[in-house]
Amino acid sequence: MGQLAQALILGLLVGGVYALASSGMNLIFGVMKVANLAQGAMLILSSYLTYSLWEATGLDPLILVLLTTPSLLLVGWVTYYLVVERSRTTDASMALVTTFGLALVTKGVVALVWGNDLHSVSPGYANRSFAVLGMKLPQAQVYATMVAAVVLVALYVLLTRTWLGRSIRATATSSEGARLIGIDVRRTWAASYAIGIAAAGAGGSLLSVLYPFMPSTSDHWIGLLLSIIVLGGMGSLPGSVVGALLIAVAESLTTTYVSPDWATAVPYVAITAVLVIRPQGLLGARLREDMSRA
């Protein structure tokens, strides 16, 4: 029983960080109806920025979220206007291909600047744990989950309590309807994309503390993020949280009771099962019903 509780708690802790990492991708899809295949590469870019800043300044990598988030916000804003918008105005499928190309370019730039060697960010608490009721909770995971929760709450407040957030929600429901009530849809799309990439900035900093990374690691993360948002419901931010927690717990249980080698297959099994059984995801249908009443 103790082993089960340990596996469940570890899964929930990691799931909190997964939720933040996937929230930006789901926000972009919910508003623009484009699966941003560059999101994994942006996570790795943020991880490398965190690594460089940590080595140069000695600041806690979790505090560096305050620097990587606005940095990636700017990257998102620039890449939207220079790359994504141009393709989106022609064809939705072209925008998907464009984000894939952006992912390749980002990986290439990262490899050119930092090389292809494996890196990791290891603050003093990286190998320490809290002892709670006979269980060991890694401090890095606990702290990272706390920061992820704060960022997710801030994102929720932004989307529900601000004019920009209301504009984003209205545009996600109907871009034509948003135009009729005076919303600048073009700027709203740009803001949504930039905020989604900024969420990757925060998530990349947290993940750099938990996992080693290299440029090709982005391939793993984009697969995981797609699995999370398909499971939870594409376009549903609450679905990102639910999907992330379920997949992280499943990975933890698989690692504990089967083999760590099989844990990497969990997201792909999940995405296959969801597409067959419930293609809209766990919360996808409810999100559309809620938005239609808004």
Protein backbone atom coordinates (compact mmCIF):
# COMPACT_ATOMS: atom_id res chain seq x y z
CA MET A 1 0.00 0.00 0.00
CA GLY A 2 2.84 2.37 0.80
CA GLN A 3 4.42 1.73 -2.57
CA LEU A 4 1.12 2.47 -4.32
CA ALA A 5 0.65 5.73 -2.42
CA GLN A 6 4.21 6.76 -3.24
CA ALA A 7 3.67 6.07 -6.95
CA LEU A 8 0.36 7.97 -7.00
CA ILE A 9 1.80 11.03 -5.26
CA LEU A 10 4.88 11.11 -7.47
CA GLY A 11 2.63 10.87 -10.50
CA LEU A 12 0.46 13.76 -9.31
CA LEU A 13 3.53 15.91 -8.64
CA VAL A 14 4.90 15.36 -12.13
CA GLY A 15 1.40 15.76 -13.55
CA GLY A 16 1.22 19.30 -12.23
CA VAL A 17 4.25 20.25 -14.32
CA TYR A 18 2.87 18.36 -17.34
CA ALA A 19 -0.34 20.37 -16.99
CA LEU A 20 1.52 23.65 -17.25
CA ALA A 21 3.62 22.43 -20.18
CA SER A 22 0.51 21.35 -22.12
CA SER A 23 -1.73 24.31 -21.22
CA GLY A 24 -0.07 26.64 -23.71
CA MET A 25 -0.46 24.20 -26.58
CA ASN A 26 -4.10 23.66 -25.71
CA LEU A 27 -4.72 27.41 -25.48
CA ILE A 28 -3.29 27.90 -28.98
CA PHE A 29 -5.44 25.11 -30.37
CA GLY A 30 -8.57 26.35 -28.61
CA VAL A 31 -8.25 29.83 -30.11
CA MET A 32 -6.56 29.23 -33.47
CA LYS A 33 -7.61 25.62 -34.15
CA VAL A 34 -3.99 24.80 -34.94
CA ALA A 35 -1.94 22.10 -33.21
CA ASN A 36 1.33 23.92 -32.54
CA LEU A 37 3.95 21.27 -33.29
CA ALA A 38 6.68 23.71 -32.25
CA GLN A 39 5.59 23.59 -28.60
CA GLY A 40 8.01 20.81 -27.67
CA ALA A 41 10.91 22.67 -29.24
CA MET A 42 9.93 25.80 -27.31
CA LEU A 43 10.02 23.79 -24.08
CA ILE A 44 13.57 22.68 -24.85
CA LEU A 45 14.59 26.21 -25.85
CA SER A 46 13.36 27.41 -22.45
CA SER A 47 15.24 24.58 -20.72
CA TYR A 48 18.49 25.68 -22.39
CA LEU A 49 17.86 29.32 -21.52
CA THR A 50 17.32 28.25 -17.93
CA TYR A 51 20.54 26.23 -18.00
CA SER A 52 22.58 29.17 -19.31
CA LEU A 53 21.07 31.66 -16.87
CA TRP A 54 21.53 29.25 -13.96
CA GLU A 55 25.19 28.71 -14.81
CA ALA A 56 25.82 32.44 -15.36
CA THR A 57 23.98 33.82 -12.32
CA GLY A 58 23.60 30.95 -9.87
CA LEU A 59 19.94 31.86 -9.40
CA ASP A 60 17.48 29.14 -8.52
CA PRO A 61 16.11 27.72 -11.80
CA LEU A 62 12.57 27.94 -10.47
CA ILE A 63 13.02 31.67 -9.91
CA LEU A 64 14.31 31.93 -13.47
CA VAL A 65 10.72 31.28 -14.59
CA LEU A 66 10.33 35.04 -14.10
CA LEU A 67 12.86 35.54 -16.92
CA THR A 68 12.13 32.66 -19.29
CA THR A 69 8.37 33.28 -19.36
CA PRO A 70 8.55 36.85 -20.75
CA SER A 71 11.46 35.82 -23.01
CA LEU A 72 9.37 33.10 -24.62
CA LEU A 73 6.38 35.46 -24.73
CA LEU A 74 8.47 37.70 -26.97
CA VAL A 75 9.62 34.72 -29.05
CA GLY A 76 5.99 33.67 -29.49
CA TRP A 77 4.92 37.16 -30.51
CA VAL A 78 7.69 37.54 -33.07
CA THR A 79 7.33 34.05 -34.58
CA TYR A 80 3.58 34.50 -34.88
CA TYR A 81 3.81 37.67 -36.95
CA LEU A 82 6.83 36.55 -38.97
CA VAL A 83 5.90 32.93 -39.62
CA VAL A 84 2.61 31.55 -38.29
CA GLU A 85 0.22 34.32 -39.35
CA ARG A 86 1.39 34.26 -42.96
CA SER A 87 0.65 30.56 -43.30
CA ARG A 88 -2.58 30.65 -41.29
CA THR A 89 -4.20 33.11 -43.69
CA THR A 90 -3.78 30.67 -46.57
CA ASP A 91 -4.81 27.27 -45.22
CA ALA A 92 -5.19 25.63 -41.80
CA SER A 93 -3.16 22.60 -42.84
CA MET A 94 -0.36 24.91 -44.02
CA ALA A 95 -0.22 26.42 -40.51
CA LEU A 96 0.31 22.91 -39.11
CA VAL A 97 3.18 22.30 -41.53
CA THR A 98 4.60 25.72 -40.67
CA THR A 99 4.71 24.97 -36.95
CA PHE A 100 6.45 21.68 -37.75
CA GLY A 101 9.03 23.61 -39.75
CA LEU A 102 9.38 26.09 -36.89
CA ALA A 103 10.08 23.17 -34.57
CA LEU A 104 12.86 21.93 -36.84
CA VAL A 105 14.41 25.38 -37.10
CA THR A 106 14.24 25.87 -33.33
CA LYS A 107 15.91 22.51 -32.72
CA GLY A 108 18.61 23.40 -35.21
CA VAL A 109 19.29 26.76 -33.56
CA VAL A 110 19.42 25.15 -30.11
CA ALA A 111 21.88 22.51 -31.36
CA LEU A 112 24.00 25.20 -33.02
CA VAL A 113 24.16 27.35 -29.88
CA TRP A 114 24.38 24.72 -27.14
CA GLY A 115 25.44 21.58 -28.98
CA ASN A 116 23.87 18.13 -28.97
CA ASP A 117 25.18 17.00 -25.59
CA LEU A 118 22.85 16.05 -22.76
CA HIS A 119 22.38 18.84 -20.20
CA SER A 120 20.67 19.10 -16.83
CA VAL A 121 19.96 21.75 -14.23
CA SER A 122 20.81 20.54 -10.74
CA PRO A 123 20.16 22.98 -7.89
CA GLY A 124 21.16 22.05 -4.34
CA TYR A 125 17.83 20.39 -3.58
CA ALA A 126 17.80 18.26 -6.75
CA ASN A 127 18.73 15.08 -4.84
CA ARG A 128 16.92 15.84 -1.59
CA SER A 129 13.55 14.57 -0.44
CA PHE A 130 10.90 15.33 2.14
CA ALA A 131 9.95 12.46 4.45
CA VAL A 132 6.16 12.44 4.86
CA LEU A 133 4.29 9.53 6.48
CA GLY A 134 7.00 7.10 5.50
CA MET A 135 7.13 8.35 1.90
CA LYS A 136 9.92 10.25 0.17
CA LEU A 137 8.82 13.23 -1.88
CA PRO A 138 11.58 14.70 -4.07
CA GLN A 139 12.00 18.37 -3.23
CA ALA A 140 12.55 19.33 -6.87
CA GLN A 141 9.21 17.85 -7.89
CA VAL A 142 7.40 19.42 -4.96
CA TYR A 143 8.79 22.89 -5.64
CA ALA A 144 8.25 22.60 -9.41
CA THR A 145 4.63 21.57 -8.90
CA MET A 146 4.03 24.50 -6.58
CA VAL A 147 5.40 26.93 -9.16
CA ALA A 148 3.36 25.23 -11.90
CA ALA A 149 0.20 25.64 -9.82
CA VAL A 150 0.89 29.35 -9.33
CA VAL A 151 1.43 29.89 -13.07
CA LEU A 152 -1.71 27.91 -13.95
CA VAL A 153 -3.78 29.99 -11.52
CA ALA A 154 -2.33 33.17 -13.04
CA LEU A 155 -3.26 31.90 -16.51
CA TYR A 156 -6.78 31.10 -15.31
CA VAL A 157 -7.19 34.57 -13.83
CA LEU A 158 -5.90 36.12 -17.05
CA LEU A 159 -8.43 34.21 -19.14
CA THR A 160 -11.41 34.77 -16.85
CA ARG A 161 -10.89 38.16 -15.17
CA THR A 162 -9.33 40.41 -17.81
CA TRP A 163 -10.49 42.03 -21.03
CA LEU A 164 -7.79 40.19 -22.95
CA GLY A 165 -9.00 36.91 -21.49
CA ARG A 166 -12.59 37.63 -22.47
CA SER A 167 -11.41 38.54 -25.96
CA ILE A 168 -9.53 35.25 -26.20
CA ARG A 169 -12.55 33.26 -25.05
CA ALA A 170 -14.86 35.07 -27.45
CA THR A 171 -12.47 34.49 -30.35
CA ALA A 172 -12.17 30.82 -29.44
CA THR A 173 -15.96 30.52 -29.63
CA SER A 174 -16.39 32.39 -32.91
CA SER A 175 -13.88 34.65 -34.60
CA GLU A 176 -16.61 36.19 -36.76
CA GLY A 177 -18.79 36.86 -33.75
CA ALA A 178 -15.81 38.40 -31.95
CA ARG A 179 -15.25 40.78 -34.87
CA LEU A 180 -18.90 41.86 -34.74
CA ILE A 181 -18.54 43.02 -31.13
CA GLY A 182 -15.38 45.00 -31.84
CA ILE A 183 -12.60 42.57 -30.91
CA ASP A 184 -9.39 42.80 -32.93
CA VAL A 185 -9.19 39.12 -33.80
CA ARG A 186 -5.77 39.39 -35.44
CA ARG A 187 -4.20 40.76 -32.28
CA THR A 188 -6.10 38.27 -30.15
CA TRP A 189 -4.69 35.37 -32.17
CA ALA A 190 -1.20 36.84 -31.78
CA ALA A 191 -1.68 37.30 -28.03
CA SER A 192 -3.02 33.76 -27.64
CA TYR A 193 -0.07 32.28 -29.49
CA ALA A 194 2.42 34.37 -27.52
CA ILE A 195 0.81 33.41 -24.18
CA GLY A 196 0.84 29.75 -25.22
CA ILE A 197 4.57 29.94 -25.98
CA ALA A 198 5.13 31.83 -22.69
CA ALA A 199 3.54 28.89 -20.87
CA ALA A 200 6.13 26.68 -22.59
CA GLY A 201 8.76 29.07 -21.24
CA ALA A 202 7.62 28.48 -17.68
CA GLY A 203 7.17 24.76 -18.24
CA GLY A 204 10.60 24.36 -19.82
CA SER A 205 12.30 25.91 -16.80
CA LEU A 206 10.53 23.52 -14.45
CA LEU A 207 11.17 20.46 -16.62
CA SER A 208 14.88 21.32 -16.82
CA VAL A 209 15.11 20.64 -13.09
CA LEU A 210 13.29 17.30 -13.33
CA TYR A 211 14.72 15.74 -16.50
CA PRO A 212 17.95 15.94 -18.53
CA PHE A 213 17.48 17.38 -22.00
CA MET A 214 19.05 17.77 -25.42
CA PRO A 215 17.69 19.19 -28.70
CA SER A 216 16.13 15.90 -29.83
CA THR A 217 14.25 15.62 -26.50
CA SER A 218 11.66 17.95 -28.02
CA ASP A 219 10.35 14.99 -30.04
CA HIS A 220 9.44 13.19 -26.83
CA TRP A 221 7.74 16.24 -25.36
CA ILE A 222 5.61 17.04 -28.39
CA GLY A 223 4.33 13.45 -28.35
CA LEU A 224 3.54 13.70 -24.67
CA LEU A 225 1.81 17.09 -25.02
CA LEU A 226 -0.34 15.85 -27.88
CA SER A 227 -1.35 12.84 -25.80
CA ILE A 228 -2.33 15.05 -22.88
CA ILE A 229 -4.48 17.46 -24.86
CA VAL A 230 -6.15 14.68 -26.86
CA LEU A 231 -6.93 12.81 -23.64
CA GLY A 232 -8.25 15.85 -21.80
CA GLY A 233 -9.97 17.45 -24.79
CA MET A 234 -8.39 19.66 -27.42
CA GLY A 235 -9.06 23.30 -26.58
CA SER A 236 -9.99 22.58 -22.96
CA LEU A 237 -7.61 24.02 -20.38
CA PRO A 238 -9.23 22.03 -17.54
CA GLY A 239 -8.77 19.04 -19.82
CA SER A 240 -5.03 19.75 -19.92
CA VAL A 241 -4.88 19.43 -16.14
CA VAL A 242 -6.97 16.23 -16.05
CA GLY A 243 -5.12 14.64 -18.96
CA ALA A 244 -1.72 15.56 -17.54
CA LEU A 245 -2.49 14.11 -14.13
CA LEU A 246 -3.89 10.88 -15.58
CA ILE A 247 -0.94 10.29 -17.90
CA ALA A 248 1.64 11.17 -15.24
CA VAL A 249 0.02 8.81 -12.73
CA ALA A 250 -0.15 6.07 -15.36
CA GLU A 251 3.54 6.57 -16.14
CA SER A 252 4.42 6.42 -12.44
CA LEU A 253 2.41 3.23 -11.88
CA THR A 254 3.92 1.63 -14.97
CA THR A 255 7.43 2.51 -13.79
CA THR A 256 6.71 1.09 -10.33
CA TYR A 257 4.89 -2.10 -11.19
CA VAL A 258 5.99 -2.96 -14.74
CA SER A 259 9.21 -1.35 -16.01
CA PRO A 260 10.56 2.16 -16.62
CA ASP A 261 11.10 1.13 -20.25
CA TRP A 262 7.34 0.75 -20.71
CA ALA A 263 6.50 4.11 -19.16
CA THR A 264 7.41 5.94 -22.39
CA ALA A 265 4.68 3.98 -24.20
CA VAL A 266 1.92 5.18 -21.86
CA PRO A 267 1.13 8.47 -23.69
CA TYR A 268 0.87 6.72 -27.06
CA VAL A 269 -1.38 3.99 -25.67
CA ALA A 270 -3.55 6.73 -24.13
CA ILE A 271 -3.84 8.75 -27.34
CA THR A 272 -4.74 5.64 -29.36
CA ALA A 273 -7.39 4.55 -26.87
CA VAL A 274 -8.95 8.01 -26.65
CA LEU A 275 -9.12 8.45 -30.42
CA VAL A 276 -10.94 5.13 -30.70
CA ILE A 277 -13.26 5.42 -27.69
CA ARG A 278 -13.88 9.16 -27.19
CA PRO A 279 -12.29 11.28 -29.93
CA GLN A 280 -13.37 14.59 -28.35
CA GLY A 281 -11.43 13.80 -25.16
CA LEU A 282 -12.65 13.65 -21.59
CA LEU A 283 -13.72 17.29 -21.33
CA GLY A 284 -13.91 18.31 -24.97
CA ALA A 285 -17.68 18.05 -25.35
CA ARG A 286 -18.40 19.83 -22.08
CA LEU A 287 -16.10 22.69 -23.10
CA ARG A 288 -18.03 23.23 -26.33
CA GLU A 289 -21.33 23.21 -24.46
CA ASP A 290 -20.01 25.74 -21.93
CA MET A 291 -18.67 28.02 -24.63
CA SER A 292 -21.93 27.94 -26.55
CA ARG A 293 -23.76 29.19 -23.47
CA ALA A 294 -21.20 31.95 -22.79
